[in-house]
């Protein structure tokens, strides 16, 4: 499976899974670097998802969703752009994409 991006001229180019994985890895490294002092509570697990993960196909390549599952079972989701900037909800990501990039996501 390959991701597809579109330029401002409407042409498309496909990204390989390896390219997407490299972009995801770079974003996660930025997240870890900027959150180095943040401590998670005992029993909290963290997983990361990119645009290749089920339910996260709406993310652009290089964007990462972080899921934190706390001991009670509740899941907190946070989102990061390729620069490592934090977004507290899917709605905030969608608003950013529309406002700054002119991208409107129709199917999430």
N, C-alpha and C. Protein backbone atom coordinates (compact mmCIF):
# COMPACT_ATOMS: atom_id res chain seq x y z
N UNK A 1 0.84 -1.18 0.00
CA UNK A 1 0.00 0.00 0.00
C UNK A 1 0.89 1.24 0.00
N UNK A 2 0.54 2.24 -0.77
CA UNK A 2 1.34 3.45 -0.85
C UNK A 2 0.47 4.66 -0.57
N UNK A 3 1.06 5.68 0.04
CA UNK A 3 0.36 6.93 0.29
C UNK A 3 0.43 7.80 -0.94
N UNK A 4 -0.52 8.69 -1.09
CA UNK A 4 -0.53 9.57 -2.25
C UNK A 4 -0.62 11.00 -1.76
N UNK A 5 0.18 11.88 -2.32
CA UNK A 5 0.10 13.29 -2.01
C UNK A 5 -0.16 14.05 -3.30
N UNK A 6 -0.78 15.21 -3.17
CA UNK A 6 -1.07 16.04 -4.34
C UNK A 6 -0.39 17.38 -4.17
N UNK A 7 0.21 17.85 -5.23
CA UNK A 7 0.84 19.16 -5.22
C UNK A 7 -0.23 20.22 -5.53
N UNK A 8 0.18 21.49 -5.46
CA UNK A 8 -0.75 22.57 -5.74
C UNK A 8 -1.21 22.57 -7.19
N UNK A 9 -0.50 21.90 -8.06
CA UNK A 9 -0.89 21.85 -9.47
C UNK A 9 -1.83 20.69 -9.77
N UNK A 10 -2.14 19.89 -8.77
CA UNK A 10 -3.07 18.80 -8.98
C UNK A 10 -2.43 17.49 -9.37
N UNK A 11 -1.13 17.51 -9.69
CA UNK A 11 -0.47 16.25 -10.03
C UNK A 11 -0.25 15.45 -8.75
N UNK A 12 -0.12 14.17 -8.87
CA UNK A 12 0.07 13.36 -7.67
C UNK A 12 1.35 12.56 -7.80
N UNK A 13 1.91 12.24 -6.66
CA UNK A 13 3.07 11.36 -6.61
C UNK A 13 2.86 10.43 -5.44
N UNK A 14 3.33 9.23 -5.59
CA UNK A 14 3.14 8.24 -4.55
C UNK A 14 4.36 8.15 -3.68
N UNK A 15 4.11 7.99 -2.39
CA UNK A 15 5.19 7.77 -1.44
C UNK A 15 5.21 6.30 -1.09
N UNK A 16 6.38 5.75 -1.00
CA UNK A 16 6.49 4.34 -0.61
C UNK A 16 6.28 4.22 0.89
N UNK A 17 6.00 3.01 1.34
CA UNK A 17 5.85 2.77 2.78
C UNK A 17 7.15 3.12 3.51
N UNK A 18 8.28 2.87 2.86
CA UNK A 18 9.57 3.20 3.49
C UNK A 18 9.71 4.71 3.68
N UNK A 19 9.27 5.49 2.70
CA UNK A 19 9.35 6.95 2.82
C UNK A 19 8.42 7.44 3.93
N UNK A 20 7.21 6.88 3.99
CA UNK A 20 6.27 7.26 5.03
C UNK A 20 6.82 6.86 6.40
N UNK A 21 7.39 5.67 6.51
CA UNK A 21 7.96 5.20 7.78
C UNK A 21 9.10 6.12 8.23
N UNK A 22 9.92 6.56 7.30
CA UNK A 22 11.03 7.47 7.64
C UNK A 22 10.49 8.81 8.14
N UNK A 23 9.46 9.31 7.51
CA UNK A 23 8.85 10.56 7.94
C UNK A 23 8.23 10.41 9.33
N UNK A 24 7.55 9.29 9.55
CA UNK A 24 6.93 9.02 10.85
C UNK A 24 8.00 8.92 11.93
N UNK A 25 9.06 8.20 11.63
CA UNK A 25 10.15 8.03 12.60
C UNK A 25 10.77 9.38 12.96
N UNK A 26 10.97 10.24 11.99
CA UNK A 26 11.53 11.57 12.25
C UNK A 26 10.62 12.38 13.16
N UNK A 27 9.32 12.30 12.94
CA UNK A 27 8.38 13.03 13.80
C UNK A 27 8.41 12.47 15.21
N UNK A 28 8.41 11.15 15.36
CA UNK A 28 8.45 10.54 16.69
C UNK A 28 9.73 10.94 17.42
N UNK A 29 10.85 11.00 16.72
CA UNK A 29 12.10 11.44 17.35
C UNK A 29 11.98 12.87 17.87
N UNK A 30 11.33 13.73 17.12
CA UNK A 30 11.12 15.12 17.57
C UNK A 30 10.22 15.16 18.80
N UNK A 31 9.19 14.31 18.80
CA UNK A 31 8.28 14.24 19.96
C UNK A 31 9.06 13.81 21.20
N UNK A 32 9.86 12.76 21.08
CA UNK A 32 10.63 12.27 22.21
C UNK A 32 11.62 13.32 22.70
N UNK A 33 12.26 14.04 21.79
CA UNK A 33 13.22 15.06 22.17
C UNK A 33 12.54 16.20 22.92
N UNK A 34 11.40 16.66 22.42
CA UNK A 34 10.71 17.79 23.06
C UNK A 34 10.00 17.39 24.34
N UNK A 35 9.66 16.11 24.50
CA UNK A 35 8.96 15.64 25.70
C UNK A 35 9.88 14.85 26.63
N UNK A 36 11.18 15.05 26.51
CA UNK A 36 12.13 14.24 27.27
C UNK A 36 11.92 14.32 28.78
N UNK A 37 11.49 15.46 29.27
CA UNK A 37 11.32 15.61 30.72
C UNK A 37 9.94 15.18 31.21
N UNK A 38 9.04 14.94 30.30
CA UNK A 38 7.68 14.56 30.69
C UNK A 38 7.66 13.11 31.18
N UNK A 39 7.06 12.89 32.31
CA UNK A 39 6.97 11.54 32.87
C UNK A 39 5.55 11.02 32.73
N UNK A 40 5.46 9.77 32.37
CA UNK A 40 4.16 9.12 32.28
C UNK A 40 3.87 8.44 33.61
N UNK A 41 2.63 8.39 33.97
CA UNK A 41 2.25 7.70 35.21
C UNK A 41 2.42 6.21 35.04
N UNK A 42 2.62 5.53 36.16
CA UNK A 42 2.73 4.07 36.14
C UNK A 42 1.50 3.45 35.48
N UNK A 43 1.73 2.48 34.65
CA UNK A 43 0.63 1.78 33.99
C UNK A 43 0.16 2.43 32.70
N UNK A 44 0.77 3.56 32.31
CA UNK A 44 0.39 4.23 31.06
C UNK A 44 1.22 3.66 29.91
N UNK A 45 0.53 3.27 28.84
CA UNK A 45 1.22 2.79 27.65
C UNK A 45 0.99 3.78 26.52
N UNK A 46 1.99 3.91 25.66
CA UNK A 46 1.92 4.85 24.55
C UNK A 46 2.13 4.10 23.25
N UNK A 47 1.26 4.34 22.28
CA UNK A 47 1.45 3.81 20.93
C UNK A 47 1.33 4.97 19.94
N UNK A 48 2.04 4.82 18.81
CA UNK A 48 2.04 5.85 17.77
C UNK A 48 1.45 5.26 16.50
N UNK A 49 0.70 6.11 15.77
CA UNK A 49 0.06 5.70 14.53
C UNK A 49 0.31 6.76 13.47
N UNK A 50 0.46 6.30 12.23
CA UNK A 50 0.60 7.24 11.11
C UNK A 50 -0.50 6.99 10.10
N UNK A 51 -0.37 7.58 8.92
CA UNK A 51 -1.43 7.50 7.91
C UNK A 51 -1.64 6.09 7.36
N UNK A 52 -0.76 5.15 7.68
CA UNK A 52 -0.93 3.77 7.21
C UNK A 52 -1.71 2.91 8.19
N UNK A 53 -1.98 3.44 9.40
CA UNK A 53 -2.69 2.68 10.43
C UNK A 53 -4.20 2.78 10.23
N UNK A 54 -4.89 1.71 10.54
CA UNK A 54 -6.35 1.70 10.44
C UNK A 54 -6.93 2.82 11.30
N UNK A 55 -7.83 3.59 10.72
CA UNK A 55 -8.48 4.68 11.43
C UNK A 55 -7.73 6.00 11.36
N UNK A 56 -6.52 5.97 10.83
CA UNK A 56 -5.72 7.19 10.76
C UNK A 56 -5.31 7.54 9.33
N UNK A 57 -6.00 7.01 8.36
CA UNK A 57 -5.71 7.29 6.95
C UNK A 57 -5.90 8.74 6.58
N UNK A 58 -6.60 9.51 7.39
CA UNK A 58 -6.82 10.93 7.12
C UNK A 58 -5.58 11.78 7.44
N UNK A 59 -4.63 11.23 8.21
CA UNK A 59 -3.41 11.97 8.54
C UNK A 59 -2.54 12.11 7.29
N UNK A 60 -1.85 13.20 7.17
CA UNK A 60 -0.89 13.38 6.08
C UNK A 60 0.41 12.66 6.43
N UNK A 61 1.18 12.27 5.43
CA UNK A 61 2.48 11.64 5.71
C UNK A 61 3.33 12.54 6.60
N UNK A 62 3.95 11.93 7.61
CA UNK A 62 4.78 12.66 8.56
C UNK A 62 4.03 13.09 9.81
N UNK A 63 2.71 13.11 9.75
CA UNK A 63 1.91 13.42 10.94
C UNK A 63 1.77 12.15 11.77
N UNK A 64 1.67 12.30 13.09
CA UNK A 64 1.61 11.15 13.99
C UNK A 64 0.49 11.36 15.01
N UNK A 65 -0.24 10.28 15.26
CA UNK A 65 -1.22 10.25 16.35
C UNK A 65 -0.61 9.44 17.49
N UNK A 66 -0.69 9.99 18.69
CA UNK A 66 -0.18 9.30 19.88
C UNK A 66 -1.38 8.89 20.72
N UNK A 67 -1.44 7.63 21.09
CA UNK A 67 -2.50 7.14 21.98
C UNK A 67 -1.87 6.77 23.31
N UNK A 68 -2.38 7.39 24.36
CA UNK A 68 -1.93 7.07 25.70
C UNK A 68 -3.07 6.36 26.42
N UNK A 69 -2.82 5.13 26.82
CA UNK A 69 -3.81 4.35 27.56
C UNK A 69 -3.38 4.35 29.03
N UNK A 70 -4.24 4.94 29.86
CA UNK A 70 -3.94 4.99 31.29
C UNK A 70 -4.47 3.74 31.98
N UNK A 71 -4.08 3.58 33.23
CA UNK A 71 -4.39 2.36 33.95
C UNK A 71 -5.89 2.05 34.00
N UNK A 72 -6.73 3.07 34.02
CA UNK A 72 -8.18 2.86 34.06
C UNK A 72 -8.73 2.32 32.74
N UNK A 73 -7.92 2.39 31.66
CA UNK A 73 -8.35 1.94 30.35
C UNK A 73 -8.71 3.07 29.41
N UNK A 74 -8.83 4.27 29.95
CA UNK A 74 -9.15 5.42 29.11
C UNK A 74 -8.00 5.71 28.15
N UNK A 75 -8.35 6.12 26.93
CA UNK A 75 -7.36 6.44 25.90
C UNK A 75 -7.40 7.94 25.62
N UNK A 76 -6.23 8.56 25.68
CA UNK A 76 -6.07 9.96 25.31
C UNK A 76 -5.33 9.99 23.98
N UNK A 77 -5.84 10.78 23.03
CA UNK A 77 -5.21 10.88 21.72
C UNK A 77 -4.66 12.29 21.51
N UNK A 78 -3.43 12.34 21.04
CA UNK A 78 -2.78 13.60 20.73
C UNK A 78 -2.18 13.48 19.33
N UNK A 79 -2.00 14.59 18.68
CA UNK A 79 -1.52 14.60 17.30
C UNK A 79 -0.33 15.53 17.17
N UNK A 80 0.60 15.16 16.28
CA UNK A 80 1.81 15.95 16.07
C UNK A 80 2.06 16.09 14.56
N UNK A 81 2.48 17.30 14.16
CA UNK A 81 2.84 17.51 12.76
C UNK A 81 4.31 17.15 12.56
N UNK A 82 4.81 17.18 11.33
CA UNK A 82 6.20 16.78 11.08
C UNK A 82 7.25 17.63 11.82
N UNK A 83 6.87 18.82 12.29
CA UNK A 83 7.79 19.65 13.06
C UNK A 83 7.77 19.31 14.54
N UNK A 84 6.86 18.41 14.94
CA UNK A 84 6.74 18.03 16.34
C UNK A 84 5.76 18.90 17.11
N UNK A 85 5.04 19.78 16.41
CA UNK A 85 4.04 20.63 17.07
C UNK A 85 2.86 19.79 17.52
N UNK A 86 2.31 20.12 18.67
CA UNK A 86 1.27 19.36 19.35
C UNK A 86 -0.12 19.90 19.02
N UNK A 87 -1.07 18.97 18.81
CA UNK A 87 -2.48 19.31 18.61
C UNK A 87 -3.29 18.42 19.53
N UNK A 88 -4.21 19.01 20.27
CA UNK A 88 -4.91 18.25 21.30
C UNK A 88 -6.11 17.43 20.82
N UNK A 89 -6.51 17.62 19.56
CA UNK A 89 -7.65 16.86 19.06
C UNK A 89 -7.60 16.75 17.54
N UNK A 90 -8.37 15.81 17.01
CA UNK A 90 -8.48 15.66 15.56
C UNK A 90 -9.06 16.93 14.96
N UNK A 91 -10.02 17.52 15.65
CA UNK A 91 -10.64 18.75 15.16
C UNK A 91 -9.62 19.87 15.00
N UNK A 92 -8.69 19.98 15.95
CA UNK A 92 -7.64 21.02 15.86
C UNK A 92 -6.72 20.77 14.66
N UNK A 93 -6.42 19.50 14.38
CA UNK A 93 -5.60 19.17 13.21
C UNK A 93 -6.33 19.57 11.94
N UNK A 94 -7.60 19.20 11.84
CA UNK A 94 -8.39 19.51 10.65
C UNK A 94 -8.51 21.02 10.44
N UNK A 95 -8.69 21.78 11.53
CA UNK A 95 -8.76 23.24 11.44
C UNK A 95 -7.43 23.81 10.94
N UNK A 96 -6.32 23.29 11.46
CA UNK A 96 -5.00 23.74 11.02
C UNK A 96 -4.79 23.46 9.54
N UNK A 97 -5.12 22.25 9.10
CA UNK A 97 -4.93 21.89 7.69
C UNK A 97 -5.74 22.79 6.78
N UNK A 98 -6.95 23.11 7.19
CA UNK A 98 -7.80 23.97 6.36
C UNK A 98 -7.30 25.42 6.37
N UNK A 99 -6.96 25.92 7.55
CA UNK A 99 -6.57 27.33 7.67
C UNK A 99 -5.23 27.65 7.02
N UNK A 100 -4.24 26.79 7.22
CA UNK A 100 -2.90 27.11 6.76
C UNK A 100 -2.50 26.45 5.43
N UNK A 101 -3.12 25.34 5.11
CA UNK A 101 -2.75 24.64 3.88
C UNK A 101 -3.88 24.60 2.86
N UNK A 102 -5.08 25.01 3.26
CA UNK A 102 -6.21 24.97 2.36
C UNK A 102 -6.72 23.57 2.07
N UNK A 103 -6.40 22.64 2.97
CA UNK A 103 -6.81 21.24 2.80
C UNK A 103 -8.07 20.99 3.61
N UNK A 104 -9.09 20.47 2.95
CA UNK A 104 -10.32 20.09 3.64
C UNK A 104 -10.44 18.57 3.56
N UNK A 105 -10.48 17.93 4.72
CA UNK A 105 -10.59 16.47 4.77
C UNK A 105 -12.08 16.14 4.83
N UNK A 106 -12.54 15.37 3.84
CA UNK A 106 -13.96 15.05 3.76
C UNK A 106 -14.32 13.77 4.49
N UNK A 107 -13.40 12.82 4.56
CA UNK A 107 -13.71 11.52 5.16
C UNK A 107 -12.65 11.20 6.21
N UNK A 108 -13.06 11.18 7.48
CA UNK A 108 -12.11 10.88 8.56
C UNK A 108 -12.44 9.56 9.22
